[in-house]
Amino acid sequence: QIPVLKKYLTATIHFSSIDLCKFKRGFLH
């Protein structure tokens, strides 16, 4: 999601990302 958010958001925002692959393994098994 980060690329589109960086393109749209205009405020000073730091991004912290959730690795989708790790999430799928850890939460959705």
mmCIF file of all heavy atoms, coordinates in Angstrom:
data_MODEL
# 
_entry.id   MODEL 
# 
loop_
_atom_site.group_PDB 
_atom_site.id 
_atom_site.type_symbol 
_atom_site.label_atom_id 
_atom_site.label_alt_id 
_atom_site.label_comp_id 
_atom_site.label_asym_id 
_atom_site.label_entity_id 
_atom_site.label_seq_id 
_atom_site.pdbx_PDB_ins_code 
_atom_site.Cartn_x 
_atom_site.Cartn_y 
_atom_site.Cartn_z 
_atom_site.occupancy 
_atom_site.B_iso_or_equiv 
_atom_site.pdbx_formal_charge 
_atom_site.auth_seq_id 
_atom_site.auth_comp_id 
_atom_site.auth_asym_id 
_atom_site.auth_atom_id 
_atom_site.pdbx_PDB_model_num 
ATOM 1   N N   . GLN A 1 1  ? 0.810  -1.216  0.000  1.00 0.00 ? 1  GLN A N   1 
ATOM 2   C CA  . GLN A 1 1  ? 0.000  0.000   0.000  1.00 0.00 ? 1  GLN A CA  1 
ATOM 3   C C   . GLN A 1 1  ? 0.850  1.277   0.000  1.00 0.00 ? 1  GLN A C   1 
ATOM 4   O O   . GLN A 1 1  ? 0.366  2.354   -0.359 1.00 0.00 ? 1  GLN A O   1 
ATOM 5   C CB  . GLN A 1 1  ? -0.916 0.016   1.237  1.00 0.00 ? 1  GLN A CB  1 
ATOM 6   C CG  . GLN A 1 1  ? -1.913 -1.125  1.255  1.00 0.00 ? 1  GLN A CG  1 
ATOM 7   C CD  . GLN A 1 1  ? -2.588 -1.276  2.608  1.00 0.00 ? 1  GLN A CD  1 
ATOM 8   O OE1 . GLN A 1 1  ? -1.990 -1.031  3.653  1.00 0.00 ? 1  GLN A OE1 1 
ATOM 9   N NE2 . GLN A 1 1  ? -3.847 -1.695  2.594  1.00 0.00 ? 1  GLN A NE2 1 
ATOM 10  N N   . ILE A 1 2  ? 2.100  1.159   0.393  1.00 0.00 ? 2  ILE A N   1 
ATOM 11  C CA  . ILE A 1 2  ? 2.946  2.333   0.569  1.00 0.00 ? 2  ILE A CA  1 
ATOM 12  C C   . ILE A 1 2  ? 3.126  3.171   -0.696 1.00 0.00 ? 2  ILE A C   1 
ATOM 13  O O   . ILE A 1 2  ? 3.003  4.399   -0.630 1.00 0.00 ? 2  ILE A O   1 
ATOM 14  C CB  . ILE A 1 2  ? 4.308  1.945   1.190  1.00 0.00 ? 2  ILE A CB  1 
ATOM 15  C CG1 . ILE A 1 2  ? 4.088  1.529   2.647  1.00 0.00 ? 2  ILE A CG1 1 
ATOM 16  C CG2 . ILE A 1 2  ? 5.309  3.096   1.118  1.00 0.00 ? 2  ILE A CG2 1 
ATOM 17  C CD1 . ILE A 1 2  ? 5.344  1.050   3.356  1.00 0.00 ? 2  ILE A CD1 1 
ATOM 18  N N   . PRO A 1 3  ? 3.403  2.592   -1.867 1.00 0.00 ? 3  PRO A N   1 
ATOM 19  C CA  . PRO A 1 3  ? 3.626  3.454   -3.041 1.00 0.00 ? 3  PRO A CA  1 
ATOM 20  C C   . PRO A 1 3  ? 2.476  4.417   -3.337 1.00 0.00 ? 3  PRO A C   1 
ATOM 21  O O   . PRO A 1 3  ? 2.711  5.604   -3.584 1.00 0.00 ? 3  PRO A O   1 
ATOM 22  C CB  . PRO A 1 3  ? 3.840  2.458   -4.187 1.00 0.00 ? 3  PRO A CB  1 
ATOM 23  C CG  . PRO A 1 3  ? 4.393  1.239   -3.503 1.00 0.00 ? 3  PRO A CG  1 
ATOM 24  C CD  . PRO A 1 3  ? 3.672  1.172   -2.183 1.00 0.00 ? 3  PRO A CD  1 
ATOM 25  N N   . VAL A 1 4  ? 1.236  3.939   -3.291 1.00 0.00 ? 4  VAL A N   1 
ATOM 26  C CA  . VAL A 1 4  ? 0.114  4.830   -3.594 1.00 0.00 ? 4  VAL A CA  1 
ATOM 27  C C   . VAL A 1 4  ? -0.078 5.856   -2.480 1.00 0.00 ? 4  VAL A C   1 
ATOM 28  O O   . VAL A 1 4  ? -0.417 7.015   -2.743 1.00 0.00 ? 4  VAL A O   1 
ATOM 29  C CB  . VAL A 1 4  ? -1.190 4.045   -3.878 1.00 0.00 ? 4  VAL A CB  1 
ATOM 30  C CG1 . VAL A 1 4  ? -1.783 3.451   -2.624 1.00 0.00 ? 4  VAL A CG1 1 
ATOM 31  C CG2 . VAL A 1 4  ? -2.202 4.935   -4.565 1.00 0.00 ? 4  VAL A CG2 1 
ATOM 32  N N   . LEU A 1 5  ? 0.166  5.476   -1.240 1.00 0.00 ? 5  LEU A N   1 
ATOM 33  C CA  . LEU A 1 5  ? 0.024  6.428   -0.131 1.00 0.00 ? 5  LEU A CA  1 
ATOM 34  C C   . LEU A 1 5  ? 1.089  7.515   -0.204 1.00 0.00 ? 5  LEU A C   1 
ATOM 35  O O   . LEU A 1 5  ? 0.798  8.696   0.023  1.00 0.00 ? 5  LEU A O   1 
ATOM 36  C CB  . LEU A 1 5  ? 0.078  5.695   1.208  1.00 0.00 ? 5  LEU A CB  1 
ATOM 37  C CG  . LEU A 1 5  ? -1.153 4.832   1.505  1.00 0.00 ? 5  LEU A CG  1 
ATOM 38  C CD1 . LEU A 1 5  ? -0.906 3.939   2.703  1.00 0.00 ? 5  LEU A CD1 1 
ATOM 39  C CD2 . LEU A 1 5  ? -2.386 5.694   1.694  1.00 0.00 ? 5  LEU A CD2 1 
ATOM 40  N N   . LYS A 1 6  ? 2.312  7.149   -0.550 1.00 0.00 ? 6  LYS A N   1 
ATOM 41  C CA  . LYS A 1 6  ? 3.371  8.154   -0.701 1.00 0.00 ? 6  LYS A CA  1 
ATOM 42  C C   . LYS A 1 6  ? 3.044  9.131   -1.827 1.00 0.00 ? 6  LYS A C   1 
ATOM 43  O O   . LYS A 1 6  ? 3.341  10.319  -1.739 1.00 0.00 ? 6  LYS A O   1 
ATOM 44  C CB  . LYS A 1 6  ? 4.720  7.486   -0.973 1.00 0.00 ? 6  LYS A CB  1 
ATOM 45  C CG  . LYS A 1 6  ? 5.371  6.930   0.266  1.00 0.00 ? 6  LYS A CG  1 
ATOM 46  C CD  . LYS A 1 6  ? 6.768  6.420   -0.037 1.00 0.00 ? 6  LYS A CD  1 
ATOM 47  C CE  . LYS A 1 6  ? 7.471  6.013   1.249  1.00 0.00 ? 6  LYS A CE  1 
ATOM 48  N NZ  . LYS A 1 6  ? 8.823  5.521   0.985  1.00 0.00 ? 6  LYS A NZ  1 
ATOM 49  N N   . LYS A 1 7  ? 2.416  8.623   -2.843 1.00 0.00 ? 7  LYS A N   1 
ATOM 50  C CA  . LYS A 1 7  ? 2.047  9.445   -3.992 1.00 0.00 ? 7  LYS A CA  1 
ATOM 51  C C   . LYS A 1 7  ? 0.918  10.420  -3.636 1.00 0.00 ? 7  LYS A C   1 
ATOM 52  O O   . LYS A 1 7  ? 0.893  11.551  -4.119 1.00 0.00 ? 7  LYS A O   1 
ATOM 53  C CB  . LYS A 1 7  ? 1.611  8.522   -5.135 1.00 0.00 ? 7  LYS A CB  1 
ATOM 54  C CG  . LYS A 1 7  ? 1.377  9.163   -6.451 1.00 0.00 ? 7  LYS A CG  1 
ATOM 55  C CD  . LYS A 1 7  ? 1.125  8.064   -7.479 1.00 0.00 ? 7  LYS A CD  1 
ATOM 56  C CE  . LYS A 1 7  ? 0.619  8.618   -8.781 1.00 0.00 ? 7  LYS A CE  1 
ATOM 57  N NZ  . LYS A 1 7  ? 0.344  7.550   -9.740 1.00 0.00 ? 7  LYS A NZ  1 
ATOM 58  N N   . TYR A 1 8  ? 0.003  9.997   -2.767 1.00 0.00 ? 8  TYR A N   1 
ATOM 59  C CA  . TYR A 1 8  ? -1.172 10.811  -2.444 1.00 0.00 ? 8  TYR A CA  1 
ATOM 60  C C   . TYR A 1 8  ? -0.977 11.740  -1.243 1.00 0.00 ? 8  TYR A C   1 
ATOM 61  O O   . TYR A 1 8  ? -1.374 12.908  -1.286 1.00 0.00 ? 8  TYR A O   1 
ATOM 62  C CB  . TYR A 1 8  ? -2.385 9.906   -2.181 1.00 0.00 ? 8  TYR A CB  1 
ATOM 63  C CG  . TYR A 1 8  ? -3.542 10.655  -1.592 1.00 0.00 ? 8  TYR A CG  1 
ATOM 64  C CD1 . TYR A 1 8  ? -4.260 11.575  -2.357 1.00 0.00 ? 8  TYR A CD1 1 
ATOM 65  C CD2 . TYR A 1 8  ? -3.914 10.481  -0.270 1.00 0.00 ? 8  TYR A CD2 1 
ATOM 66  C CE1 . TYR A 1 8  ? -5.308 12.300  -1.813 1.00 0.00 ? 8  TYR A CE1 1 
ATOM 67  C CE2 . TYR A 1 8  ? -4.968 11.199  0.285  1.00 0.00 ? 8  TYR A CE2 1 
ATOM 68  C CZ  . TYR A 1 8  ? -5.659 12.097  -0.495 1.00 0.00 ? 8  TYR A CZ  1 
ATOM 69  O OH  . TYR A 1 8  ? -6.690 12.815  0.058  1.00 0.00 ? 8  TYR A OH  1 
ATOM 70  N N   . LEU A 1 9  ? -0.387 11.249  -0.175 1.00 0.00 ? 9  LEU A N   1 
ATOM 71  C CA  . LEU A 1 9  ? -0.323 12.015  1.073  1.00 0.00 ? 9  LEU A CA  1 
ATOM 72  C C   . LEU A 1 9  ? 0.629  13.191  0.967  1.00 0.00 ? 9  LEU A C   1 
ATOM 73  O O   . LEU A 1 9  ? 1.719  13.082  0.411  1.00 0.00 ? 9  LEU A O   1 
ATOM 74  C CB  . LEU A 1 9  ? 0.075  11.094  2.229  1.00 0.00 ? 9  LEU A CB  1 
ATOM 75  C CG  . LEU A 1 9  ? -0.901 9.943   2.488  1.00 0.00 ? 9  LEU A CG  1 
ATOM 76  C CD1 . LEU A 1 9  ? -0.336 8.965   3.498  1.00 0.00 ? 9  LEU A CD1 1 
ATOM 77  C CD2 . LEU A 1 9  ? -2.252 10.473  2.933  1.00 0.00 ? 9  LEU A CD2 1 
ATOM 78  N N   . THR A 1 10 ? 0.212  14.316  1.527  1.00 0.00 ? 10 THR A N   1 
ATOM 79  C CA  . THR A 1 10 ? 0.997  15.546  1.427  1.00 0.00 ? 10 THR A CA  1 
ATOM 80  C C   . THR A 1 10 ? 1.622  15.969  2.748  1.00 0.00 ? 10 THR A C   1 
ATOM 81  O O   . THR A 1 10 ? 2.479  16.840  2.769  1.00 0.00 ? 10 THR A O   1 
ATOM 82  C CB  . THR A 1 10 ? 0.109  16.701  0.919  1.00 0.00 ? 10 THR A CB  1 
ATOM 83  O OG1 . THR A 1 10 ? -1.014 16.832  1.797  1.00 0.00 ? 10 THR A OG1 1 
ATOM 84  C CG2 . THR A 1 10 ? -0.380 16.429  -0.492 1.00 0.00 ? 10 THR A CG2 1 
ATOM 85  N N   . ALA A 1 11 ? 1.198  15.376  3.851  1.00 0.00 ? 11 ALA A N   1 
ATOM 86  C CA  . ALA A 1 11 ? 1.743  15.713  5.164  1.00 0.00 ? 11 ALA A CA  1 
ATOM 87  C C   . ALA A 1 11 ? 3.084  15.008  5.368  1.00 0.00 ? 11 ALA A C   1 
ATOM 88  O O   . ALA A 1 11 ? 3.469  14.119  4.606  1.00 0.00 ? 11 ALA A O   1 
ATOM 89  C CB  . ALA A 1 11 ? 0.763  15.298  6.264  1.00 0.00 ? 11 ALA A CB  1 
ATOM 90  N N   . THR A 1 12 ? 3.786  15.416  6.410  1.00 0.00 ? 12 THR A N   1 
ATOM 91  C CA  . THR A 1 12 ? 5.043  14.762  6.771  1.00 0.00 ? 12 THR A CA  1 
ATOM 92  C C   . THR A 1 12 ? 4.696  13.480  7.510  1.00 0.00 ? 12 THR A C   1 
ATOM 93  O O   . THR A 1 12 ? 4.299  13.503  8.684  1.00 0.00 ? 12 THR A O   1 
ATOM 94  C CB  . THR A 1 12 ? 5.897  15.685  7.666  1.00 0.00 ? 12 THR A CB  1 
ATOM 95  O OG1 . THR A 1 12 ? 6.101  16.920  6.972  1.00 0.00 ? 12 THR A OG1 1 
ATOM 96  C CG2 . THR A 1 12 ? 7.231  15.036  7.992  1.00 0.00 ? 12 THR A CG2 1 
ATOM 97  N N   . ILE A 1 13 ? 4.814  12.365  6.798  1.00 0.00 ? 13 ILE A N   1 
ATOM 98  C CA  . ILE A 1 13 ? 4.400  11.075  7.345  1.00 0.00 ? 13 ILE A CA  1 
ATOM 99  C C   . ILE A 1 13 ? 5.524  10.065  7.187  1.00 0.00 ? 13 ILE A C   1 
ATOM 100 O O   . ILE A 1 13 ? 6.110  9.917   6.110  1.00 0.00 ? 13 ILE A O   1 
ATOM 101 C CB  . ILE A 1 13 ? 3.135  10.555  6.639  1.00 0.00 ? 13 ILE A CB  1 
ATOM 102 C CG1 . ILE A 1 13 ? 1.957  11.498  6.912  1.00 0.00 ? 13 ILE A CG1 1 
ATOM 103 C CG2 . ILE A 1 13 ? 2.794  9.135   7.079  1.00 0.00 ? 13 ILE A CG2 1 
ATOM 104 C CD1 . ILE A 1 13 ? 0.678  11.130  6.212  1.00 0.00 ? 13 ILE A CD1 1 
ATOM 105 N N   . HIS A 1 14 ? 5.806  9.374   8.283  1.00 0.00 ? 14 HIS A N   1 
ATOM 106 C CA  . HIS A 1 14 ? 6.738  8.257   8.265  1.00 0.00 ? 14 HIS A CA  1 
ATOM 107 C C   . HIS A 1 14 ? 5.887  6.996   8.107  1.00 0.00 ? 14 HIS A C   1 
ATOM 108 O O   . HIS A 1 14 ? 4.834  6.866   8.722  1.00 0.00 ? 14 HIS A O   1 
ATOM 109 C CB  . HIS A 1 14 ? 7.545  8.200   9.569  1.00 0.00 ? 14 HIS A CB  1 
ATOM 110 C CG  . HIS A 1 14 ? 8.397  6.984   9.680  1.00 0.00 ? 14 HIS A CG  1 
ATOM 111 N ND1 . HIS A 1 14 ? 9.549  6.820   8.953  1.00 0.00 ? 14 HIS A ND1 1 
ATOM 112 C CD2 . HIS A 1 14 ? 8.243  5.856   10.412 1.00 0.00 ? 14 HIS A CD2 1 
ATOM 113 C CE1 . HIS A 1 14 ? 10.072 5.644   9.247  1.00 0.00 ? 14 HIS A CE1 1 
ATOM 114 N NE2 . HIS A 1 14 ? 9.293  5.048   10.123 1.00 0.00 ? 14 HIS A NE2 1 
ATOM 115 N N   . PHE A 1 15 ? 6.361  6.076   7.283  1.00 0.00 ? 15 PHE A N   1 
ATOM 116 C CA  . PHE A 1 15 ? 5.611  4.841   7.040  1.00 0.00 ? 15 PHE A CA  1 
ATOM 117 C C   . PHE A 1 15 ? 6.261  3.674   7.763  1.00 0.00 ? 15 PHE A C   1 
ATOM 118 O O   . PHE A 1 15 ? 7.477  3.506   7.712  1.00 0.00 ? 15 PHE A O   1 
ATOM 119 C CB  . PHE A 1 15 ? 5.562  4.533   5.541  1.00 0.00 ? 15 PHE A CB  1 
ATOM 120 C CG  . PHE A 1 15 ? 4.734  5.511   4.768  1.00 0.00 ? 15 PHE A CG  1 
ATOM 121 C CD1 . PHE A 1 15 ? 5.305  6.659   4.248  1.00 0.00 ? 15 PHE A CD1 1 
ATOM 122 C CD2 . PHE A 1 15 ? 3.382  5.304   4.585  1.00 0.00 ? 15 PHE A CD2 1 
ATOM 123 C CE1 . PHE A 1 15 ? 4.550  7.580   3.541  1.00 0.00 ? 15 PHE A CE1 1 
ATOM 124 C CE2 . PHE A 1 15 ? 2.613  6.216   3.886  1.00 0.00 ? 15 PHE A CE2 1 
ATOM 125 C CZ  . PHE A 1 15 ? 3.201  7.352   3.359  1.00 0.00 ? 15 PHE A CZ  1 
ATOM 126 N N   . SER A 1 16 ? 5.432  2.883   8.410  1.00 0.00 ? 16 SER A N   1 
ATOM 127 C CA  . SER A 1 16 ? 5.857  1.616   8.990  1.00 0.00 ? 16 SER A CA  1 
ATOM 128 C C   . SER A 1 16 ? 5.057  0.547   8.269  1.00 0.00 ? 16 SER A C   1 
ATOM 129 O O   . SER A 1 16 ? 3.823  0.643   8.189  1.00 0.00 ? 16 SER A O   1 
ATOM 130 C CB  . SER A 1 16 ? 5.558  1.564   10.488 1.00 0.00 ? 16 SER A CB  1 
ATOM 131 O OG  . SER A 1 16 ? 6.290  2.555   11.162 1.00 0.00 ? 16 SER A OG  1 
ATOM 132 N N   . SER A 1 17 ? 5.751  -0.437  7.724  1.00 0.00 ? 17 SER A N   1 
ATOM 133 C CA  . SER A 1 17 ? 5.040  -1.409  6.901  1.00 0.00 ? 17 SER A CA  1 
ATOM 134 C C   . SER A 1 17 ? 4.916  -2.770  7.565  1.00 0.00 ? 17 SER A C   1 
ATOM 135 O O   . SER A 1 17 ? 5.764  -3.185  8.358  1.00 0.00 ? 17 SER A O   1 
ATOM 136 C CB  . SER A 1 17 ? 5.718  -1.562  5.540  1.00 0.00 ? 17 SER A CB  1 
ATOM 137 O OG  . SER A 1 17 ? 6.975  -2.158  5.678  1.00 0.00 ? 17 SER A OG  1 
ATOM 138 N N   . ILE A 1 18 ? 3.835  -3.430  7.216  1.00 0.00 ? 18 ILE A N   1 
ATOM 139 C CA  . ILE A 1 18 ? 3.578  -4.810  7.613  1.00 0.00 ? 18 ILE A CA  1 
ATOM 140 C C   . ILE A 1 18 ? 3.917  -5.657  6.399  1.00 0.00 ? 18 ILE A C   1 
ATOM 141 O O   . ILE A 1 18 ? 3.365  -5.442  5.309  1.00 0.00 ? 18 ILE A O   1 
ATOM 142 C CB  . ILE A 1 18 ? 2.095  -5.012  7.981  1.00 0.00 ? 18 ILE A CB  1 
ATOM 143 C CG1 . ILE A 1 18 ? 1.675  -4.047  9.083  1.00 0.00 ? 18 ILE A CG1 1 
ATOM 144 C CG2 . ILE A 1 18 ? 1.834  -6.458  8.377  1.00 0.00 ? 18 ILE A CG2 1 
ATOM 145 C CD1 . ILE A 1 18 ? 0.165  -3.946  9.260  1.00 0.00 ? 18 ILE A CD1 1 
ATOM 146 N N   . ASP A 1 19 ? 4.824  -6.595  6.570  1.00 0.00 ? 19 ASP A N   1 
ATOM 147 C CA  . ASP A 1 19 ? 5.188  -7.496  5.482  1.00 0.00 ? 19 ASP A CA  1 
ATOM 148 C C   . ASP A 1 19 ? 4.015  -8.443  5.232  1.00 0.00 ? 19 ASP A C   1 
ATOM 149 O O   . ASP A 1 19 ? 3.644  -9.225  6.102  1.00 0.00 ? 19 ASP A O   1 
ATOM 150 C CB  . ASP A 1 19 ? 6.448  -8.267  5.865  1.00 0.00 ? 19 ASP A CB  1 
ATOM 151 C CG  . ASP A 1 19 ? 6.923  -9.170  4.757  1.00 0.00 ? 19 ASP A CG  1 
ATOM 152 O OD1 . ASP A 1 19 ? 6.183  -10.126 4.408  1.00 0.00 ? 19 ASP A OD1 1 
ATOM 153 O OD2 . ASP A 1 19 ? 8.041  -8.960  4.257  1.00 0.00 ? 19 ASP A OD2 1 
ATOM 154 N N   . LEU A 1 20 ? 3.425  -8.369  4.042  1.00 0.00 ? 20 LEU A N   1 
ATOM 155 C CA  . LEU A 1 20 ? 2.239  -9.157  3.730  1.00 0.00 ? 20 LEU A CA  1 
ATOM 156 C C   . LEU A 1 20 ? 2.515  -10.657 3.823  1.00 0.00 ? 20 LEU A C   1 
ATOM 157 O O   . LEU A 1 20 ? 1.691  -11.402 4.351  1.00 0.00 ? 20 LEU A O   1 
ATOM 158 C CB  . LEU A 1 20 ? 1.704  -8.800  2.343  1.00 0.00 ? 20 LEU A CB  1 
ATOM 159 C CG  . LEU A 1 20 ? 0.400  -9.495  1.947  1.00 0.00 ? 20 LEU A CG  1 
ATOM 160 C CD1 . LEU A 1 20 ? -0.752 -9.022  2.822  1.00 0.00 ? 20 LEU A CD1 1 
ATOM 161 C CD2 . LEU A 1 20 ? 0.089  -9.252  0.492  1.00 0.00 ? 20 LEU A CD2 1 
ATOM 162 N N   . CYS A 1 21 ? 3.664  -11.104 3.348  1.00 0.00 ? 21 CYS A N   1 
ATOM 163 C CA  . CYS A 1 21 ? 3.981  -12.536 3.385  1.00 0.00 ? 21 CYS A CA  1 
ATOM 164 C C   . CYS A 1 21 ? 4.084  -13.039 4.826  1.00 0.00 ? 21 CYS A C   1 
ATOM 165 O O   . CYS A 1 21 ? 3.548  -14.101 5.158  1.00 0.00 ? 21 CYS A O   1 
ATOM 166 C CB  . CYS A 1 21 ? 5.273  -12.821 2.623  1.00 0.00 ? 21 CYS A CB  1 
ATOM 167 S SG  . CYS A 1 21 ? 5.115  -12.545 0.851  1.00 0.00 ? 21 CYS A SG  1 
ATOM 168 N N   . LYS A 1 22 ? 4.756  -12.270 5.671  1.00 0.00 ? 22 LYS A N   1 
ATOM 169 C CA  . LYS A 1 22 ? 4.869  -12.661 7.079  1.00 0.00 ? 22 LYS A CA  1 
ATOM 170 C C   . LYS A 1 22 ? 3.507  -12.646 7.761  1.00 0.00 ? 22 LYS A C   1 
ATOM 171 O O   . LYS A 1 22 ? 3.199  -13.500 8.580  1.00 0.00 ? 22 LYS A O   1 
ATOM 172 C CB  . LYS A 1 22 ? 5.832  -11.734 7.820  1.00 0.00 ? 22 LYS A CB  1 
ATOM 173 C CG  . LYS A 1 22 ? 7.274  -11.938 7.445  1.00 0.00 ? 22 LYS A CG  1 
ATOM 174 C CD  . LYS A 1 22 ? 8.177  -10.996 8.233  1.00 0.00 ? 22 LYS A CD  1 
ATOM 175 C CE  . LYS A 1 22 ? 9.624  -11.152 7.827  1.00 0.00 ? 22 LYS A CE  1 
ATOM 176 N NZ  . LYS A 1 22 ? 10.491 -10.196 8.539  1.00 0.00 ? 22 LYS A NZ  1 
ATOM 177 N N   . PHE A 1 23 ? 2.691  -11.667 7.417  1.00 0.00 ? 23 PHE A N   1 
ATOM 178 C CA  . PHE A 1 23 ? 1.349  -11.591 7.992  1.00 0.00 ? 23 PHE A CA  1 
ATOM 179 C C   . PHE A 1 23 ? 0.534  -12.822 7.607  1.00 0.00 ? 23 PHE A C   1 
ATOM 180 O O   . PHE A 1 23 ? -0.140 -13.418 8.449  1.00 0.00 ? 23 PHE A O   1 
ATOM 181 C CB  . PHE A 1 23 ? 0.634  -10.324 7.531  1.00 0.00 ? 23 PHE A CB  1 
ATOM 182 C CG  . PHE A 1 23 ? -0.814 -10.303 7.915  1.00 0.00 ? 23 PHE A CG  1 
ATOM 183 C CD1 . PHE A 1 23 ? -1.192 -10.009 9.208  1.00 0.00 ? 23 PHE A CD1 1 
ATOM 184 C CD2 . PHE A 1 23 ? -1.789 -10.623 6.980  1.00 0.00 ? 23 PHE A CD2 1 
ATOM 185 C CE1 . PHE A 1 23 ? -2.532 -10.025 9.578  1.00 0.00 ? 23 PHE A CE1 1 
ATOM 186 C CE2 . PHE A 1 23 ? -3.115 -10.642 7.338  1.00 0.00 ? 23 PHE A CE2 1 
ATOM 187 C CZ  . PHE A 1 23 ? -3.490 -10.343 8.634  1.00 0.00 ? 23 PHE A CZ  1 
ATOM 188 N N   . LYS A 1 24 ? 0.574  -13.193 6.333  1.00 0.00 ? 24 LYS A N   1 
ATOM 189 C CA  . LYS A 1 24 ? -0.205 -14.347 5.879  1.00 0.00 ? 24 LYS A CA  1 
ATOM 190 C C   . LYS A 1 24 ? 0.225  -15.623 6.597  1.00 0.00 ? 24 LYS A C   1 
ATOM 191 O O   . LYS A 1 24 ? -0.615 -16.426 6.973  1.00 0.00 ? 24 LYS A O   1 
ATOM 192 C CB  . LYS A 1 24 ? -0.070 -14.506 4.361  1.00 0.00 ? 24 LYS A CB  1 
ATOM 193 C CG  . LYS A 1 24 ? -0.871 -13.476 3.603  1.00 0.00 ? 24 LYS A CG  1 
ATOM 194 C CD  . LYS A 1 24 ? -0.612 -13.417 2.115  1.00 0.00 ? 24 LYS A CD  1 
ATOM 195 C CE  . LYS A 1 24 ? -0.467 -14.700 1.397  1.00 0.00 ? 24 LYS A CE  1 
ATOM 196 N NZ  . LYS A 1 24 ? -0.290 -14.550 -0.051 1.00 0.00 ? 24 LYS A NZ  1 
ATOM 197 N N   . ARG A 1 25 ? 1.542  -15.778 6.798  1.00 0.00 ? 25 ARG A N   1 
ATOM 198 C CA  . ARG A 1 25 ? 2.030  -16.970 7.511  1.00 0.00 ? 25 ARG A CA  1 
ATOM 199 C C   . ARG A 1 25 ? 1.650  -16.931 8.987  1.00 0.00 ? 25 ARG A C   1 
ATOM 200 O O   . ARG A 1 25 ? 1.188  -17.911 9.551  1.00 0.00 ? 25 ARG A O   1 
ATOM 201 C CB  . ARG A 1 25 ? 3.542  -17.091 7.370  1.00 0.00 ? 25 ARG A CB  1 
ATOM 202 C CG  . ARG A 1 25 ? 4.002  -17.627 6.026  1.00 0.00 ? 25 ARG A CG  1 
ATOM 203 C CD  . ARG A 1 25 ? 5.475  -18.004 6.028  1.00 0.00 ? 25 ARG A CD  1 
ATOM 204 N NE  . ARG A 1 25 ? 6.352  -16.929 6.464  1.00 0.00 ? 25 ARG A NE  1 
ATOM 205 C CZ  . ARG A 1 25 ? 6.918  -16.036 5.669  1.00 0.00 ? 25 ARG A CZ  1 
ATOM 206 N NH1 . ARG A 1 25 ? 6.701  -16.084 4.376  1.00 0.00 ? 25 ARG A NH1 1 
ATOM 207 N NH2 . ARG A 1 25 ? 7.712  -15.103 6.158  1.00 0.00 ? 25 ARG A NH2 1 
ATOM 208 N N   . GLY A 1 26 ? 1.842  -15.776 9.630  1.00 0.00 ? 26 GLY A N   1 
ATOM 209 C CA  . GLY A 1 26 ? 1.648  -15.678 11.062 1.00 0.00 ? 26 GLY A CA  1 
ATOM 210 C C   . GLY A 1 26 ? 0.206  -15.570 11.527 1.00 0.00 ? 26 GLY A C   1 
ATOM 211 O O   . GLY A 1 26 ? -0.162 -16.101 12.557 1.00 0.00 ? 26 GLY A O   1 
ATOM 212 N N   . PHE A 1 27 ? -0.631 -14.863 10.756 1.00 0.00 ? 27 PHE A N   1 
ATOM 213 C CA  . PHE A 1 27 ? -2.010 -14.635 11.189 1.00 0.00 ? 27 PHE A CA  1 
ATOM 214 C C   . PHE A 1 27 ? -3.013 -15.506 10.463 1.00 0.00 ? 27 PHE A C   1 
ATOM 215 O O   . PHE A 1 27 ? -4.001 -15.939 11.043 1.00 0.00 ? 27 PHE A O   1 
ATOM 216 C CB  . PHE A 1 27 ? -2.385 -13.164 10.995 1.00 0.00 ? 27 PHE A CB  1 
ATOM 217 C CG  . PHE A 1 27 ? -1.974 -12.283 12.118 1.00 0.00 ? 27 PHE A CG  1 
ATOM 218 C CD1 . PHE A 1 27 ? -0.665 -11.844 12.217 1.00 0.00 ? 27 PHE A CD1 1 
ATOM 219 C CD2 . PHE A 1 27 ? -2.871 -11.893 13.082 1.00 0.00 ? 27 PHE A CD2 1 
ATOM 220 C CE1 . PHE A 1 27 ? -0.265 -11.030 13.265 1.00 0.00 ? 27 PHE A CE1 1 
ATOM 221 C CE2 . PHE A 1 27 ? -2.483 -11.074 14.138 1.00 0.00 ? 27 PHE A CE2 1 
ATOM 222 C CZ  . PHE A 1 27 ? -1.175 -10.647 14.230 1.00 0.00 ? 27 PHE A CZ  1 
ATOM 223 N N   . LEU A 1 28 ? -2.807 -15.726 9.178  1.00 0.00 ? 28 LEU A N   1 
ATOM 224 C CA  . LEU A 1 28 ? -3.766 -16.501 8.403  1.00 0.00 ? 28 LEU A CA  1 
ATOM 225 C C   . LEU A 1 28 ? -3.312 -17.939 8.194  1.00 0.00 ? 28 LEU A C   1 
ATOM 226 O O   . LEU A 1 28 ? -4.028 -18.732 7.602  1.00 0.00 ? 28 LEU A O   1 
ATOM 227 C CB  . LEU A 1 28 ? -3.997 -15.821 7.035  1.00 0.00 ? 28 LEU A CB  1 
ATOM 228 C CG  . LEU A 1 28 ? -4.490 -14.372 7.090  1.00 0.00 ? 28 LEU A CG  1 
ATOM 229 C CD1 . LEU A 1 28 ? -4.628 -13.805 5.698  1.00 0.00 ? 28 LEU A CD1 1 
ATOM 230 C CD2 . LEU A 1 28 ? -5.775 -14.252 7.877  1.00 0.00 ? 28 LEU A CD2 1 
ATOM 231 N N   . HIS A 1 29 ? -2.111 -18.235 8.659  1.00 0.00 ? 29 HIS A N   1 
ATOM 232 C CA  . HIS A 1 29 ? -1.529 -19.587 8.574  1.00 0.00 ? 29 HIS A CA  1 
ATOM 233 C C   . HIS A 1 29 ? -1.504 -20.110 7.140  1.00 0.00 ? 29 HIS A C   1 
ATOM 234 O O   . HIS A 1 29 ? -1.816 -21.251 6.870  1.00 0.00 ? 29 HIS A O   1 
ATOM 235 C CB  . HIS A 1 29 ? -2.258 -20.553 9.499  1.00 0.00 ? 29 HIS A CB  1 
ATOM 236 C CG  . HIS A 1 29 ? -2.370 -20.020 10.897 1.00 0.00 ? 29 HIS A CG  1 
ATOM 237 N ND1 . HIS A 1 29 ? -1.282 -19.824 11.704 1.00 0.00 ? 29 HIS A ND1 1 
ATOM 238 C CD2 . HIS A 1 29 ? -3.440 -19.582 11.602 1.00 0.00 ? 29 HIS A CD2 1 
ATOM 239 C CE1 . HIS A 1 29 ? -1.672 -19.320 12.852 1.00 0.00 ? 29 HIS A CE1 1 
ATOM 240 N NE2 . HIS A 1 29 ? -2.967 -19.151 12.826 1.00 0.00 ? 29 HIS A NE2 1 
# 
